[in-house]
Amino acid sequence: MSGWYLRLDVLDKPGALARIADALGREKVSIAAIHQDKASGARAVPVMIATHAASRHAFNMARKAILRQPAVLSKHCAMRMMA
């Protein structure tokens, strides 16, 4: 088990961030930190998430559910964080 980092490009739409958090919560992956850059007229905004320790399986299940959401673009970066 380890923490995870996930960077996403997300359309600036109401509720998009809530659905991302819900997908993580459904897999019991807890958010340690989250940052969303300010939307400056761009179609999508970068969202960076760091999680508390979670299994690779749980994180990947949540990541796949997040990437299926219409407001989340497919380009993303996911990596395990070493403590």
C-alpha atoms as a PDB file:
ATOM      1  CA  MET A   1       0.000   0.000   0.000  1.00  0.00           C
ATOM      2  CA  SER A   2       1.216   3.466  -0.833  1.00  0.00           C
ATOM      3  CA  GLY A   3      -0.023   6.928  -1.628  1.00  0.00           C
ATOM      4  CA  TRP A   4      -0.828   7.834  -5.223  1.00  0.00           C
ATOM      5  CA  TYR A   5      -0.627  10.943  -7.400  1.00  0.00           C
ATOM      6  CA  LEU A   6      -3.165  11.585 -10.147  1.00  0.00           C
ATOM      7  CA  ARG A   7      -3.133  14.517 -12.569  1.00  0.00           C
ATOM      8  CA  LEU A   8      -6.192  15.013 -14.748  1.00  0.00           C
ATOM      9  CA  ASP A   9      -7.495  17.484 -17.298  1.00  0.00           C
ATOM     10  CA  VAL A  10     -11.115  18.172 -16.346  1.00  0.00           C
ATOM     11  CA  LEU A  11     -13.746  20.226 -18.149  1.00  0.00           C
ATOM     12  CA  ASP A  12     -14.747  23.224 -16.054  1.00  0.00           C
ATOM     13  CA  LYS A  13     -18.292  22.031 -15.254  1.00  0.00           C
ATOM     14  CA  PRO A  14     -20.241  22.064 -11.988  1.00  0.00           C
ATOM     15  CA  GLY A  15     -20.054  18.759 -10.112  1.00  0.00           C
ATOM     16  CA  ALA A  16     -17.054  17.369 -12.012  1.00  0.00           C
ATOM     17  CA  LEU A  17     -14.777  17.456  -8.973  1.00  0.00           C
ATOM     18  CA  ALA A  18     -17.480  15.936  -6.767  1.00  0.00           C
ATOM     19  CA  ARG A  19     -17.824  12.972  -9.149  1.00  0.00           C
ATOM     20  CA  ILE A  20     -14.053  12.439  -9.085  1.00  0.00           C
ATOM     21  CA  ALA A  21     -14.060  12.430  -5.270  1.00  0.00           C
ATOM     22  CA  ASP A  22     -17.034  10.033  -5.285  1.00  0.00           C
ATOM     23  CA  ALA A  23     -15.204   7.572  -7.564  1.00  0.00           C
ATOM     24  CA  LEU A  24     -12.233   7.568  -5.186  1.00  0.00           C
ATOM     25  CA  GLY A  25     -14.481   7.165  -2.152  1.00  0.00           C
ATOM     26  CA  ARG A  26     -16.363   4.238  -3.665  1.00  0.00           C
ATOM     27  CA  GLU A  27     -13.038   2.363  -3.830  1.00  0.00           C
ATOM     28  CA  LYS A  28     -12.063   3.482  -0.293  1.00  0.00           C
ATOM     29  CA  VAL A  29      -9.240   5.694  -1.609  1.00  0.00           C
ATOM     30  CA  SER A  30      -8.892   8.725   0.658  1.00  0.00           C
ATOM     31  CA  ILE A  31      -7.782  12.115  -0.680  1.00  0.00           C
ATOM     32  CA  ALA A  32      -4.747  13.585   1.125  1.00  0.00           C
ATOM     33  CA  ALA A  33      -4.548  16.765  -0.974  1.00  0.00           C
ATOM     34  CA  ILE A  34      -6.196  18.204  -4.043  1.00  0.00           C
ATOM     35  CA  HIS A  35      -5.407  21.223  -6.199  1.00  0.00           C
ATOM     36  CA  GLN A  36      -7.339  22.646  -9.125  1.00  0.00           C
ATOM     37  CA  ASP A  37      -5.794  25.453 -11.122  1.00  0.00           C
ATOM     38  CA  LYS A  38      -7.920  28.486 -11.838  1.00  0.00           C
ATOM     39  CA  ALA A  39      -9.881  28.282 -15.078  1.00  0.00           C
ATOM     40  CA  SER A  40      -8.554  30.993 -17.371  1.00  0.00           C
ATOM     41  CA  GLY A  41     -10.830  30.581 -20.342  1.00  0.00           C
ATOM     42  CA  ALA A  42      -9.390  27.159 -21.129  1.00  0.00           C
ATOM     43  CA  ARG A  43     -11.730  24.317 -22.026  1.00  0.00           C
ATOM     44  CA  ALA A  44     -10.227  22.076 -19.330  1.00  0.00           C
ATOM     45  CA  VAL A  45      -8.385  22.743 -16.091  1.00  0.00           C
ATOM     46  CA  PRO A  46      -5.650  20.634 -14.507  1.00  0.00           C
ATOM     47  CA  VAL A  47      -6.576  18.834 -11.292  1.00  0.00           C
ATOM     48  CA  MET A  48      -3.885  17.239  -9.141  1.00  0.00           C
ATOM     49  CA  ILE A  49      -4.779  14.719  -6.439  1.00  0.00           C
ATOM     50  CA  ALA A  50      -2.578  13.027  -3.839  1.00  0.00           C
ATOM     51  CA  THR A  51      -4.077  10.134  -1.904  1.00  0.00           C
ATOM     52  CA  HIS A  52      -3.421   8.471   1.415  1.00  0.00           C
ATOM     53  CA  ALA A  53      -2.115   4.895   1.290  1.00  0.00           C
ATOM     54  CA  ALA A  54      -4.293   2.623  -0.836  1.00  0.00           C
ATOM     55  CA  SER A  55      -3.825  -0.634  -2.685  1.00  0.00           C
ATOM     56  CA  ARG A  56      -2.854  -0.551  -6.352  1.00  0.00           C
ATOM     57  CA  HIS A  57      -6.078  -2.396  -7.192  1.00  0.00           C
ATOM     58  CA  ALA A  58      -8.331   0.110  -5.398  1.00  0.00           C
ATOM     59  CA  PHE A  59      -6.527   3.085  -6.933  1.00  0.00           C
ATOM     60  CA  ASN A  60      -6.680   1.631 -10.444  1.00  0.00           C
ATOM     61  CA  MET A  61     -10.380   0.810 -10.106  1.00  0.00           C
ATOM     62  CA  ALA A  62     -11.053   4.405  -9.031  1.00  0.00           C
ATOM     63  CA  ARG A  63      -8.823   5.782 -11.814  1.00  0.00           C
ATOM     64  CA  LYS A  64     -10.708   3.781 -14.446  1.00  0.00           C
ATOM     65  CA  ALA A  65     -14.064   5.012 -13.098  1.00  0.00           C
ATOM     66  CA  ILE A  66     -12.779   8.601 -13.130  1.00  0.00           C
ATOM     67  CA  LEU A  67     -11.564   8.324 -16.726  1.00  0.00           C
ATOM     68  CA  ARG A  68     -15.021   7.105 -17.824  1.00  0.00           C
ATOM     69  CA  GLN A  69     -16.602  10.365 -16.678  1.00  0.00           C
ATOM     70  CA  PRO A  70     -17.571  12.707 -19.534  1.00  0.00           C
ATOM     71  CA  ALA A  71     -15.967  15.769 -17.903  1.00  0.00           C
ATOM     72  CA  VAL A  72     -12.568  14.050 -17.561  1.00  0.00           C
ATOM     73  CA  LEU A  73     -10.303  14.045 -20.604  1.00  0.00           C
ATOM     74  CA  SER A  74      -8.334  10.861 -21.288  1.00  0.00           C
ATOM     75  CA  LYS A  75      -4.898  12.491 -20.959  1.00  0.00           C
ATOM     76  CA  HIS A  76      -3.697  11.901 -17.405  1.00  0.00           C
ATOM     77  CA  CYS A  77      -0.715  10.975 -15.263  1.00  0.00           C
ATOM     78  CA  ALA A  78      -0.840   8.463 -12.426  1.00  0.00           C
ATOM     79  CA  MET A  79       2.053   7.347 -10.243  1.00  0.00           C
ATOM     80  CA  ARG A  80       2.801   5.728  -6.935  1.00  0.00           C
ATOM     81  CA  MET A  81       4.330   8.007  -4.316  1.00  0.00           C
ATOM     82  CA  MET A  82       7.249   6.595  -2.375  1.00  0.00           C
ATOM     83  CA  ALA A  83       7.359   7.493   1.318  1.00  0.00           C
END
